[in-house]
Amino acid sequence: MPAVGRPRIDAQRRPGKTPRDEILDAAAELFVTSGFAATSTRRIAEAVGVRQPALYHYFASKEDILAELLSGTVVPTLEYAQSLAGTPTERLHALALYDCLQLLSGRWNLGRLYHLPELDQPRFAEFIAKRRELFGLYESLSAAVLGDGADPRRHLPARLVESVIGMRSDNADVEGIAPVIADSALAVLTYRAPSGRNPRHIGPAT
């Protein structure tokens, strides 16, 4: 059998309790800052300070690394949502707040990777399904708050939460924004246009 390189070239460079955590952190930074296609497993290994063969002990490919990173942005939120009790309004607000905090608290802005063309590959089908499940939960709770399963506003809360991804990309000041987004997710469902105006047919201001 070919000899496997030393697990580590030098002292620990990345945060993490295990080499696997370090690999995920390095890959997250490179995927977000350099792009997924431009990032090789060799670059990831070099960023961690391990030899490339050692990286393959933890992940078979960079696609596997990406899949785990993406899963970490959705699965905890779904698990949290399943534990929620209360009215639809209370559950929606709690879900939006938790989800927003999840997207904001990561060291790297992984939401930027949601629209990678590579996500069309079968390897990422599970993540796509989980994200759709989360969106479906937002929509069902929103429809319950609205009392109308056909109201198009049911799509808005999930999109409001994910707006923090763009805010982070734009280097906007997002301190304290999570509760504001959660409040806004409910406000868009309860807003009523001024009497006599149909919000679907508002023309340009004159």
N, C-alpha and C. Protein backbone atom coordinates (compact mmCIF):
# COMPACT_ATOMS: atom_id res chain seq x y z
N MET A 1 0.84 -1.20 0.00
CA MET A 1 0.00 0.00 0.00
C MET A 1 0.87 1.25 0.00
N PRO A 2 0.45 2.31 -0.72
CA PRO A 2 1.25 3.53 -0.70
C PRO A 2 1.24 4.15 0.68
N ALA A 3 2.33 4.76 1.06
CA ALA A 3 2.41 5.38 2.38
C ALA A 3 1.56 6.64 2.41
N VAL A 4 0.87 6.81 3.54
CA VAL A 4 0.06 8.01 3.72
C VAL A 4 0.93 9.09 4.33
N GLY A 5 0.84 10.31 3.80
CA GLY A 5 1.65 11.41 4.31
C GLY A 5 1.36 11.70 5.76
N ARG A 6 2.25 12.43 6.40
CA ARG A 6 2.03 12.81 7.79
C ARG A 6 0.72 13.56 7.91
N PRO A 7 -0.09 13.28 8.96
CA PRO A 7 -1.38 13.94 9.11
C PRO A 7 -1.27 15.46 9.12
N ARG A 8 -0.20 16.00 9.76
CA ARG A 8 -0.09 17.45 9.85
C ARG A 8 1.31 17.89 9.49
N ILE A 9 1.39 18.96 8.73
CA ILE A 9 2.68 19.49 8.32
C ILE A 9 3.26 20.36 9.42
N ASP A 10 2.41 21.17 10.06
CA ASP A 10 2.90 22.05 11.11
C ASP A 10 1.82 22.24 12.17
N ALA A 11 1.97 23.23 13.01
CA ALA A 11 1.03 23.47 14.10
C ALA A 11 -0.37 23.79 13.57
N GLN A 12 -1.36 23.59 14.42
CA GLN A 12 -2.75 23.83 14.02
C GLN A 12 -2.94 25.26 13.55
N ARG A 13 -3.55 25.40 12.38
CA ARG A 13 -3.77 26.72 11.78
C ARG A 13 -5.21 27.17 11.88
N ARG A 14 -6.15 26.22 11.95
CA ARG A 14 -7.57 26.55 11.85
C ARG A 14 -8.28 26.28 13.17
N PRO A 15 -9.39 26.97 13.44
CA PRO A 15 -10.18 26.64 14.62
C PRO A 15 -10.87 25.29 14.43
N GLY A 16 -11.05 24.57 15.50
CA GLY A 16 -11.73 23.28 15.43
C GLY A 16 -11.14 22.30 16.42
N LYS A 17 -12.00 21.44 16.93
CA LYS A 17 -11.56 20.45 17.91
C LYS A 17 -10.93 19.23 17.25
N THR A 18 -11.23 19.02 15.98
CA THR A 18 -10.73 17.85 15.27
C THR A 18 -10.19 18.28 13.91
N PRO A 19 -9.36 17.44 13.28
CA PRO A 19 -8.92 17.76 11.91
C PRO A 19 -10.09 17.92 10.95
N ARG A 20 -11.14 17.16 11.16
CA ARG A 20 -12.33 17.28 10.30
C ARG A 20 -12.92 18.69 10.39
N ASP A 21 -13.00 19.21 11.62
CA ASP A 21 -13.51 20.58 11.80
C ASP A 21 -12.61 21.59 11.10
N GLU A 22 -11.32 21.38 11.18
CA GLU A 22 -10.38 22.30 10.55
C GLU A 22 -10.53 22.28 9.03
N ILE A 23 -10.72 21.10 8.48
CA ILE A 23 -10.91 20.97 7.03
C ILE A 23 -12.17 21.70 6.60
N LEU A 24 -13.24 21.54 7.36
CA LEU A 24 -14.50 22.21 7.02
C LEU A 24 -14.33 23.73 7.08
N ASP A 25 -13.62 24.22 8.07
CA ASP A 25 -13.41 25.67 8.19
C ASP A 25 -12.60 26.20 7.02
N ALA A 26 -11.53 25.50 6.68
CA ALA A 26 -10.69 25.95 5.56
C ALA A 26 -11.46 25.91 4.25
N ALA A 27 -12.20 24.85 4.03
CA ALA A 27 -12.97 24.73 2.80
C ALA A 27 -14.04 25.80 2.72
N ALA A 28 -14.70 26.08 3.84
CA ALA A 28 -15.73 27.12 3.85
C ALA A 28 -15.15 28.46 3.42
N GLU A 29 -14.00 28.80 3.97
CA GLU A 29 -13.38 30.07 3.59
C GLU A 29 -13.04 30.11 2.11
N LEU A 30 -12.43 29.03 1.62
CA LEU A 30 -12.02 29.02 0.21
C LEU A 30 -13.20 28.98 -0.74
N PHE A 31 -14.23 28.21 -0.42
CA PHE A 31 -15.41 28.14 -1.28
C PHE A 31 -16.07 29.51 -1.38
N VAL A 32 -16.13 30.23 -0.25
CA VAL A 32 -16.82 31.53 -0.22
C VAL A 32 -15.98 32.62 -0.87
N THR A 33 -14.69 32.60 -0.62
CA THR A 33 -13.84 33.69 -1.11
C THR A 33 -13.24 33.46 -2.49
N SER A 34 -12.95 32.20 -2.82
CA SER A 34 -12.30 31.90 -4.10
C SER A 34 -13.22 31.21 -5.09
N GLY A 35 -14.33 30.65 -4.60
CA GLY A 35 -15.24 29.92 -5.48
C GLY A 35 -15.03 28.43 -5.36
N PHE A 36 -16.10 27.69 -5.50
CA PHE A 36 -16.02 26.24 -5.38
C PHE A 36 -15.19 25.62 -6.50
N ALA A 37 -15.45 26.04 -7.73
CA ALA A 37 -14.75 25.45 -8.87
C ALA A 37 -13.25 25.71 -8.81
N ALA A 38 -12.85 26.86 -8.29
CA ALA A 38 -11.44 27.23 -8.26
C ALA A 38 -10.69 26.64 -7.07
N THR A 39 -11.40 25.97 -6.18
CA THR A 39 -10.78 25.43 -4.97
C THR A 39 -10.53 23.93 -5.14
N SER A 40 -9.30 23.53 -5.01
CA SER A 40 -8.93 22.12 -5.09
C SER A 40 -8.76 21.54 -3.69
N THR A 41 -8.80 20.22 -3.60
CA THR A 41 -8.55 19.60 -2.31
C THR A 41 -7.11 19.87 -1.86
N ARG A 42 -6.21 20.05 -2.79
CA ARG A 42 -4.83 20.39 -2.41
C ARG A 42 -4.79 21.74 -1.71
N ARG A 43 -5.52 22.71 -2.23
CA ARG A 43 -5.56 24.03 -1.58
C ARG A 43 -6.15 23.95 -0.19
N ILE A 44 -7.18 23.14 -0.05
CA ILE A 44 -7.80 22.99 1.26
C ILE A 44 -6.82 22.37 2.24
N ALA A 45 -6.14 21.30 1.79
CA ALA A 45 -5.16 20.64 2.65
C ALA A 45 -4.05 21.60 3.06
N GLU A 46 -3.57 22.40 2.12
CA GLU A 46 -2.52 23.36 2.43
C GLU A 46 -3.00 24.41 3.44
N ALA A 47 -4.25 24.83 3.32
CA ALA A 47 -4.79 25.82 4.24
C ALA A 47 -4.90 25.27 5.66
N VAL A 48 -5.12 23.97 5.77
CA VAL A 48 -5.22 23.33 7.08
C VAL A 48 -3.83 23.02 7.64
N GLY A 49 -2.90 22.72 6.73
CA GLY A 49 -1.57 22.32 7.16
C GLY A 49 -1.43 20.82 7.24
N VAL A 50 -2.20 20.10 6.39
CA VAL A 50 -2.07 18.64 6.32
C VAL A 50 -1.72 18.26 4.89
N ARG A 51 -1.28 17.04 4.71
CA ARG A 51 -1.02 16.56 3.36
C ARG A 51 -2.32 16.11 2.72
N GLN A 52 -2.37 16.22 1.40
CA GLN A 52 -3.59 15.91 0.67
C GLN A 52 -4.11 14.51 0.96
N PRO A 53 -3.26 13.46 1.03
CA PRO A 53 -3.79 12.13 1.34
C PRO A 53 -4.49 12.07 2.69
N ALA A 54 -4.04 12.89 3.65
CA ALA A 54 -4.68 12.90 4.97
C ALA A 54 -6.09 13.45 4.88
N LEU A 55 -6.31 14.43 4.00
CA LEU A 55 -7.65 15.00 3.83
C LEU A 55 -8.63 13.93 3.38
N TYR A 56 -8.17 13.02 2.50
CA TYR A 56 -9.07 11.99 1.98
C TYR A 56 -9.43 10.94 3.03
N HIS A 57 -8.75 10.97 4.16
CA HIS A 57 -9.15 10.10 5.26
C HIS A 57 -10.49 10.56 5.84
N TYR A 58 -10.79 11.85 5.71
CA TYR A 58 -12.01 12.42 6.29
C TYR A 58 -13.10 12.66 5.25
N PHE A 59 -12.71 13.02 4.04
CA PHE A 59 -13.68 13.32 2.98
C PHE A 59 -13.19 12.72 1.67
N ALA A 60 -14.08 12.09 0.95
CA ALA A 60 -13.71 11.45 -0.31
C ALA A 60 -13.49 12.46 -1.43
N SER A 61 -14.12 13.63 -1.33
CA SER A 61 -14.03 14.63 -2.39
C SER A 61 -14.42 15.99 -1.84
N LYS A 62 -14.15 17.03 -2.62
CA LYS A 62 -14.56 18.36 -2.17
C LYS A 62 -16.08 18.51 -2.23
N GLU A 63 -16.74 17.70 -3.08
CA GLU A 63 -18.20 17.71 -3.11
C GLU A 63 -18.77 17.23 -1.78
N ASP A 64 -18.11 16.24 -1.17
CA ASP A 64 -18.56 15.75 0.13
C ASP A 64 -18.38 16.83 1.20
N ILE A 65 -17.30 17.59 1.09
CA ILE A 65 -17.09 18.68 2.04
C ILE A 65 -18.19 19.73 1.89
N LEU A 66 -18.48 20.11 0.65
CA LEU A 66 -19.52 21.10 0.40
C LEU A 66 -20.87 20.62 0.90
N ALA A 67 -21.18 19.35 0.67
CA ALA A 67 -22.46 18.81 1.11
C ALA A 67 -22.60 18.91 2.62
N GLU A 68 -21.54 18.64 3.35
CA GLU A 68 -21.61 18.72 4.82
C GLU A 68 -21.75 20.16 5.28
N LEU A 69 -21.04 21.07 4.64
CA LEU A 69 -21.16 22.48 4.99
C LEU A 69 -22.58 22.99 4.77
N LEU A 70 -23.15 22.66 3.63
CA LEU A 70 -24.50 23.11 3.32
C LEU A 70 -25.53 22.50 4.27
N SER A 71 -25.35 21.22 4.56
CA SER A 71 -26.27 20.55 5.48
C SER A 71 -26.31 21.26 6.82
N GLY A 72 -25.15 21.74 7.27
CA GLY A 72 -25.08 22.42 8.56
C GLY A 72 -25.82 23.73 8.61
N THR A 73 -26.21 24.28 7.45
CA THR A 73 -26.97 25.53 7.43
C THR A 73 -28.47 25.30 7.47
N VAL A 74 -28.90 24.06 7.28
CA VAL A 74 -30.34 23.77 7.17
C VAL A 74 -30.82 22.77 8.23
N VAL A 75 -30.10 21.68 8.40
CA VAL A 75 -30.56 20.60 9.28
C VAL A 75 -30.80 21.06 10.72
N PRO A 76 -29.89 21.82 11.34
CA PRO A 76 -30.17 22.27 12.71
C PRO A 76 -31.45 23.09 12.81
N THR A 77 -31.74 23.90 11.79
CA THR A 77 -32.95 24.71 11.81
C THR A 77 -34.19 23.83 11.69
N LEU A 78 -34.15 22.82 10.85
CA LEU A 78 -35.27 21.90 10.73
C LEU A 78 -35.50 21.15 12.05
N GLU A 79 -34.43 20.72 12.68
CA GLU A 79 -34.56 20.01 13.96
C GLU A 79 -35.15 20.94 15.02
N TYR A 80 -34.73 22.20 15.02
CA TYR A 80 -35.28 23.16 15.96
C TYR A 80 -36.77 23.38 15.69
N ALA A 81 -37.13 23.50 14.43
CA ALA A 81 -38.53 23.74 14.06
C ALA A 81 -39.44 22.62 14.56
N GLN A 82 -38.94 21.40 14.52
CA GLN A 82 -39.75 20.26 14.95
C GLN A 82 -40.00 20.27 16.45
N SER A 83 -39.19 21.02 17.20
CA SER A 83 -39.36 21.07 18.66
C SER A 83 -40.28 22.20 19.09
N LEU A 84 -40.68 23.05 18.16
CA LEU A 84 -41.46 24.23 18.52
C LEU A 84 -42.90 23.89 18.87
N ALA A 85 -43.42 24.61 19.84
CA ALA A 85 -44.83 24.51 20.20
C ALA A 85 -45.41 25.92 20.23
N GLY A 86 -46.73 26.01 20.28
CA GLY A 86 -47.38 27.30 20.34
C GLY A 86 -48.24 27.57 19.12
N THR A 87 -48.68 28.79 18.97
CA THR A 87 -49.52 29.18 17.84
C THR A 87 -48.64 29.28 16.59
N PRO A 88 -49.27 29.25 15.40
CA PRO A 88 -48.48 29.45 14.19
C PRO A 88 -47.67 30.75 14.20
N THR A 89 -48.24 31.80 14.77
CA THR A 89 -47.52 33.07 14.84
C THR A 89 -46.28 32.95 15.70
N GLU A 90 -46.43 32.32 16.87
CA GLU A 90 -45.29 32.14 17.76
C GLU A 90 -44.23 31.24 17.14
N ARG A 91 -44.65 30.18 16.50
CA ARG A 91 -43.71 29.25 15.89
C ARG A 91 -42.97 29.89 14.71
N LEU A 92 -43.69 30.65 13.90
CA LEU A 92 -43.06 31.31 12.75
C LEU A 92 -42.02 32.32 13.22
N HIS A 93 -42.34 33.09 14.23
CA HIS A 93 -41.40 34.08 14.72
C HIS A 93 -40.15 33.41 15.29
N ALA A 94 -40.36 32.35 16.07
CA ALA A 94 -39.22 31.63 16.66
C ALA A 94 -38.36 31.00 15.58
N LEU A 95 -39.00 30.42 14.57
CA LEU A 95 -38.27 29.80 13.47
C LEU A 95 -37.45 30.84 12.71
N ALA A 96 -38.06 31.97 12.38
CA ALA A 96 -37.35 33.00 11.63
C ALA A 96 -36.16 33.55 12.43
N LEU A 97 -36.35 33.73 13.73
CA LEU A 97 -35.27 34.25 14.56
C LEU A 97 -34.10 33.26 14.62
N TYR A 98 -34.42 31.99 14.86
CA TYR A 98 -33.37 30.97 14.96
C TYR A 98 -32.63 30.82 13.63
N ASP A 99 -33.38 30.76 12.55
CA ASP A 99 -32.79 30.57 11.22
C ASP A 99 -31.88 31.74 10.87
N CYS A 100 -32.33 32.93 11.16
CA CYS A 100 -31.54 34.12 10.88
C CYS A 100 -30.24 34.11 11.68
N LEU A 101 -30.33 33.74 12.94
CA LEU A 101 -29.14 33.66 13.78
C LEU A 101 -28.17 32.61 13.27
N GLN A 102 -28.70 31.48 12.78
CA GLN A 102 -27.86 30.44 12.21
C GLN A 102 -27.08 30.96 11.01
N LEU A 103 -27.75 31.68 10.14
CA LEU A 103 -27.11 32.19 8.93
C LEU A 103 -26.09 33.29 9.24
N LEU A 104 -26.31 33.98 10.34
CA LEU A 104 -25.42 35.08 10.70
C LEU A 104 -24.24 34.65 11.56
N SER A 105 -24.40 33.55 12.29
CA SER A 105 -23.40 33.21 13.29
C SER A 105 -22.22 32.42 12.73
N GLY A 106 -22.38 31.81 11.56
CA GLY A 106 -21.29 31.05 10.99
C GLY A 106 -20.08 31.93 10.71
N ARG A 107 -18.90 31.37 10.85
CA ARG A 107 -17.67 32.13 10.59
C ARG A 107 -17.61 32.60 9.14
N TRP A 108 -18.16 31.79 8.23
CA TRP A 108 -18.16 32.12 6.80
C TRP A 108 -19.59 32.17 6.29
N ASN A 109 -19.83 33.02 5.31
CA ASN A 109 -21.18 33.25 4.80
C ASN A 109 -21.57 32.15 3.81
N LEU A 110 -21.90 30.97 4.34
CA LEU A 110 -22.14 29.81 3.49
C LEU A 110 -23.40 29.93 2.65
N GLY A 111 -24.31 30.81 3.02
CA GLY A 111 -25.49 31.00 2.20
C GLY A 111 -25.16 31.46 0.78
N ARG A 112 -23.98 32.04 0.60
CA ARG A 112 -23.56 32.46 -0.75
C ARG A 112 -23.42 31.27 -1.68
N LEU A 113 -23.32 30.08 -1.12
CA LEU A 113 -23.11 28.88 -1.94
C LEU A 113 -24.43 28.23 -2.37
N TYR A 114 -25.56 28.78 -1.96
CA TYR A 114 -26.85 28.16 -2.25
C TYR A 114 -27.17 28.10 -3.74
N HIS A 115 -26.57 28.96 -4.53
CA HIS A 115 -26.93 29.01 -5.95
C HIS A 115 -25.79 28.55 -6.86
N LEU A 116 -24.89 27.77 -6.31
CA LEU A 116 -23.83 27.21 -7.14
C LEU A 116 -24.42 26.31 -8.22
N PRO A 117 -23.96 26.39 -9.46
CA PRO A 117 -24.48 25.49 -10.50
C PRO A 117 -24.19 24.03 -10.19
N GLU A 118 -23.14 23.76 -9.41
CA GLU A 118 -22.79 22.38 -9.07
C GLU A 118 -23.84 21.70 -8.22
N LEU A 119 -24.75 22.47 -7.62
CA LEU A 119 -25.75 21.87 -6.74
C LEU A 119 -26.80 21.08 -7.52
N ASP A 120 -26.75 21.16 -8.84
CA ASP A 120 -27.65 20.34 -9.67
C ASP A 120 -27.22 18.88 -9.69
N GLN A 121 -26.04 18.58 -9.19
CA GLN A 121 -25.55 17.20 -9.18
C GLN A 121 -26.34 16.36 -8.17
N PRO A 122 -26.50 15.06 -8.46
CA PRO A 122 -27.22 14.17 -7.53
C PRO A 122 -26.64 14.17 -6.13
N ARG A 123 -25.33 14.44 -5.99
CA ARG A 123 -24.68 14.44 -4.68
C ARG A 123 -25.35 15.41 -3.73
N PHE A 124 -25.97 16.45 -4.25
CA PHE A 124 -26.55 17.48 -3.40
C PHE A 124 -28.07 17.40 -3.31
N ALA A 125 -28.64 16.31 -3.79
CA ALA A 125 -30.10 16.16 -3.79
C ALA A 125 -30.67 16.21 -2.38
N GLU A 126 -29.95 15.63 -1.43
CA GLU A 126 -30.46 15.62 -0.05
C GLU A 126 -30.52 17.03 0.52
N PHE A 127 -29.48 17.83 0.26
CA PHE A 127 -29.52 19.21 0.73
C PHE A 127 -30.66 19.98 0.09
N ILE A 128 -30.83 19.84 -1.22
CA ILE A 128 -31.91 20.53 -1.92
C ILE A 128 -33.26 20.15 -1.33
N ALA A 129 -33.44 18.87 -1.04
CA ALA A 129 -34.70 18.40 -0.47
C ALA A 129 -34.93 19.00 0.92
N LYS A 130 -33.87 19.07 1.73
CA LYS A 130 -34.00 19.63 3.08
C LYS A 130 -34.32 21.12 3.02
N ARG A 131 -33.69 21.81 2.09
CA ARG A 131 -33.97 23.25 1.96
C ARG A 131 -35.41 23.47 1.51
N ARG A 132 -35.89 22.65 0.61
CA ARG A 132 -37.29 22.76 0.19
C ARG A 132 -38.23 22.43 1.34
N GLU A 133 -37.84 21.46 2.16
CA GLU A 133 -38.65 21.13 3.33
C GLU A 133 -38.75 22.32 4.29
N LEU A 134 -37.63 23.00 4.48
CA LEU A 134 -37.64 24.18 5.34
C LEU A 134 -38.51 25.28 4.76
N PHE A 135 -38.40 25.52 3.45
CA PHE A 135 -39.24 26.52 2.80
C PHE A 135 -40.72 26.14 2.92
N GLY A 136 -41.00 24.85 2.78
CA GLY A 136 -42.38 24.40 2.91
C GLY A 136 -42.93 24.64 4.31
N LEU A 137 -42.09 24.49 5.31
CA LEU A 137 -42.52 24.75 6.69
C LEU A 137 -42.82 26.23 6.89
N TYR A 138 -41.95 27.08 6.36
CA TYR A 138 -42.23 28.52 6.42
C TYR A 138 -43.58 28.84 5.77
N GLU A 139 -43.81 28.25 4.61
CA GLU A 139 -45.04 28.56 3.87
C GLU A 139 -46.28 28.06 4.60
N SER A 140 -46.21 26.87 5.20
CA SER A 140 -47.37 26.34 5.91
C SER A 140 -47.68 27.17 7.15
N LEU A 141 -46.65 27.57 7.88
CA LEU A 141 -46.88 28.43 9.04
C LEU A 141 -47.42 29.79 8.63
N SER A 142 -46.87 30.34 7.55
CA SER A 142 -47.33 31.64 7.06
C SER A 142 -48.78 31.56 6.60
N ALA A 143 -49.13 30.48 5.91
CA ALA A 143 -50.51 30.31 5.46
C ALA A 143 -51.45 30.22 6.65
N ALA A 144 -51.01 29.57 7.73
CA ALA A 144 -51.85 29.47 8.93
C ALA A 144 -52.04 30.84 9.57
N VAL A 145 -50.98 31.64 9.58
CA VAL A 145 -51.09 32.99 10.13
C VAL A 145 -52.04 33.83 9.27
N LEU A 146 -51.93 33.69 7.97
CA LEU A 146 -52.77 34.45 7.05
C LEU A 146 -54.21 33.95 7.02
N GLY A 147 -54.39 32.67 7.33
CA GLY A 147 -55.71 32.07 7.19
C GLY A 147 -56.08 31.85 5.74
N ASP A 148 -55.06 31.77 4.88
CA ASP A 148 -55.30 31.63 3.44
C ASP A 148 -54.10 30.93 2.82
N GLY A 149 -54.28 29.68 2.42
CA GLY A 149 -53.18 28.91 1.85
C GLY A 149 -52.78 29.34 0.46
N ALA A 150 -53.54 30.25 -0.16
CA ALA A 150 -53.21 30.71 -1.51
C ALA A 150 -52.63 32.11 -1.54
N ASP A 151 -52.57 32.77 -0.39
CA ASP A 151 -52.05 34.14 -0.34
C ASP A 151 -50.57 34.14 -0.71
N PRO A 152 -50.17 34.91 -1.72
CA PRO A 152 -48.77 34.89 -2.16
C PRO A 152 -47.79 35.39 -1.11
N ARG A 153 -48.29 36.09 -0.10
CA ARG A 153 -47.39 36.57 0.95
C ARG A 153 -46.79 35.42 1.77
N ARG A 154 -47.34 34.23 1.64
CA ARG A 154 -46.79 33.09 2.39
C ARG A 154 -45.35 32.77 2.00
N HIS A 155 -44.92 33.23 0.82
CA HIS A 155 -43.56 32.97 0.36
C HIS A 155 -42.53 33.94 0.96
N LEU A 156 -42.99 35.04 1.55
CA LEU A 156 -42.08 36.12 1.91
C LEU A 156 -41.21 35.87 3.14
N PRO A 157 -41.73 35.30 4.23
CA PRO A 157 -40.87 35.16 5.42
C PRO A 157 -39.56 34.43 5.18
N ALA A 158 -39.58 33.32 4.46
CA ALA A 158 -38.33 32.60 4.20
C ALA A 158 -37.35 33.46 3.42
N ARG A 159 -37.86 34.22 2.46
CA ARG A 159 -36.98 35.07 1.66
C ARG A 159 -36.42 36.23 2.48
N LEU A 160 -37.23 36.74 3.41
CA LEU A 160 -36.74 37.79 4.28
C LEU A 160 -35.58 37.29 5.13
N VAL A 161 -35.72 36.09 5.66
CA VAL A 161 -34.65 35.52 6.48
C VAL A 161 -33.38 35.37 5.65
N GLU A 162 -33.50 34.85 4.44
CA GLU A 162 -32.32 34.64 3.62
C GLU A 162 -31.72 35.95 3.09
N SER A 163 -32.42 37.05 3.29
CA SER A 163 -31.85 38.34 2.87
C SER A 163 -30.59 38.67 3.66
N VAL A 164 -30.41 38.04 4.83
CA VAL A 164 -29.21 38.32 5.62
C VAL A 164 -27.95 37.80 4.90
N ILE A 165 -28.12 36.84 4.01
CA ILE A 165 -26.98 36.35 3.22
C ILE A 165 -26.42 37.48 2.37
N GLY A 166 -27.32 38.19 1.69
CA GLY A 166 -26.89 39.33 0.89
C GLY A 166 -26.34 40.46 1.73
N MET A 167 -26.92 40.67 2.90
CA MET A 167 -26.41 41.71 3.78
C MET A 167 -24.98 41.42 4.19
N ARG A 168 -24.70 40.15 4.52
CA ARG A 168 -23.34 39.79 4.88
C ARG A 168 -22.40 39.97 3.69
N SER A 169 -22.86 39.61 2.51
CA SER A 169 -22.03 39.76 1.31
C SER A 169 -21.72 41.22 1.03
N ASP A 170 -22.66 42.10 1.37
CA ASP A 170 -22.49 43.53 1.14
C ASP A 170 -21.77 44.23 2.29
N ASN A 171 -21.34 43.43 3.29
CA ASN A 171 -20.67 43.98 4.47
C ASN A 171 -21.55 44.98 5.21
N ALA A 172 -22.85 44.74 5.18
CA ALA A 172 -23.77 45.62 5.91
C ALA A 172 -23.64 45.36 7.41
N ASP A 173 -24.03 46.33 8.19
CA ASP A 173 -24.03 46.18 9.65
C ASP A 173 -25.23 45.31 10.04
N VAL A 174 -24.96 44.07 10.43
CA VAL A 174 -26.05 43.14 10.73
C VAL A 174 -26.21 42.89 12.22
N GLU A 175 -25.49 43.64 13.05
CA GLU A 175 -25.62 43.45 14.48
C GLU A 175 -27.05 43.78 14.92
N GLY A 176 -27.70 42.86 15.58
CA GLY A 176 -29.06 43.07 16.06
C GLY A 176 -30.13 42.93 15.00
N ILE A 177 -29.76 42.49 13.79
CA ILE A 177 -30.75 42.43 12.71
C ILE A 177 -31.67 41.23 12.82
N ALA A 178 -31.26 40.16 13.49
CA ALA A 178 -32.05 38.93 13.53
C ALA A 178 -33.46 39.16 14.10
N PRO A 179 -33.61 39.79 15.26
CA PRO A 179 -34.97 40.02 15.76
C PRO A 179 -35.78 40.96 14.86
N VAL A 180 -35.10 41.88 14.19
CA VAL A 180 -35.80 42.78 13.26
C VAL A 180 -36.36 41.99 12.08
N ILE A 181 -35.56 41.05 11.56
CA ILE A 181 -36.02 40.21 10.46
C ILE A 181 -37.18 39.34 10.91
N ALA A 182 -37.08 38.75 12.11
CA ALA A 182 -38.17 37.90 12.61
C ALA A 182 -39.46 38.69 12.77
N ASP A 183 -39.35 39.92 13.30
CA ASP A 183 -40.54 40.77 13.42
C ASP A 183 -41.11 41.11 12.05
N SER A 184 -40.22 41.38 11.10
CA SER A 184 -40.65 41.75 9.75
C SER A 184 -41.33 40.59 9.04
N ALA A 185 -40.88 39.36 9.34
CA ALA A 185 -41.49 38.18 8.73
C ALA A 185 -42.97 38.08 9.09
N LEU A 186 -43.32 38.53 10.28
CA LEU A 186 -44.73 38.56 10.67
C LEU A 186 -45.43 39.80 10.13
N ALA A 187 -44.70 40.91 10.10
CA ALA A 187 -45.32 42.16 9.66
C ALA A 187 -45.79 42.08 8.21
N VAL A 188 -45.05 41.39 7.35
CA VAL A 188 -45.47 41.31 5.95
C VAL A 188 -46.74 40.48 5.80
N LEU A 189 -47.03 39.65 6.78
CA LEU A 189 -48.25 38.83 6.71
C LEU A 189 -49.46 39.56 7.27
N THR A 190 -49.23 40.52 8.14
CA THR A 190 -50.34 41.21 8.79
C THR A 190 -50.60 42.60 8.23
N TYR A 191 -49.74 43.07 7.32
CA TYR A 191 -49.92 44.39 6.74
C TYR A 191 -51.19 44.46 5.91
N ARG A 192 -51.88 45.56 6.04
CA ARG A 192 -53.07 45.81 5.22
C ARG A 192 -52.90 47.14 4.51
N ALA A 193 -53.13 47.15 3.21
CA ALA A 193 -52.99 48.38 2.44
C ALA A 193 -54.03 49.41 2.88
N PRO A 194 -53.72 50.71 2.72
CA PRO A 194 -54.71 51.74 3.04
C PRO A 194 -56.02 51.50 2.32
N SER A 195 -57.09 51.87 2.95
CA SER A 195 -58.42 51.66 2.39
C SER A 195 -58.53 52.24 0.98
N GLY A 196 -59.09 51.42 0.10
CA GLY A 196 -59.31 51.88 -1.26
C GLY A 196 -58.15 51.62 -2.20
N ARG A 197 -57.07 51.05 -1.68
CA ARG A 197 -55.92 50.78 -2.55
C ARG A 197 -55.68 49.29 -2.59
N ASN A 198 -55.54 48.76 -3.78
CA ASN A 198 -55.24 47.35 -3.96
C ASN A 198 -53.73 47.21 -4.15
N PRO A 199 -53.03 46.56 -3.21
CA PRO A 199 -51.56 46.50 -3.32
C PRO A 199 -51.07 45.76 -4.55
N ARG A 200 -51.94 45.00 -5.19
CA ARG A 200 -51.51 44.30 -6.40
C ARG A 200 -51.58 45.19 -7.64
N HIS A 201 -52.18 46.36 -7.49
CA HIS A 201 -52.34 47.22 -8.67
C HIS A 201 -51.95 48.67 -8.34
N ILE A 202 -50.91 48.80 -7.54
CA ILE A 202 -50.44 50.15 -7.22
C ILE A 202 -49.53 50.63 -8.35
N GLY A 203 -49.83 51.78 -8.90
CA GLY A 203 -49.02 52.32 -9.97
C GLY A 203 -47.90 53.17 -9.44
N PRO A 204 -47.10 53.74 -10.31
CA PRO A 204 -45.98 54.60 -9.88
C PRO A 204 -46.50 55.85 -9.20
N ALA A 205 -45.70 56.34 -8.27
CA ALA A 205 -46.08 57.57 -7.56
C ALA A 205 -46.14 58.73 -8.54
N THR A 206 -47.03 59.62 -8.30
CA THR A 206 -47.16 60.81 -9.16
C THR A 206 -46.93 62.07 -8.35
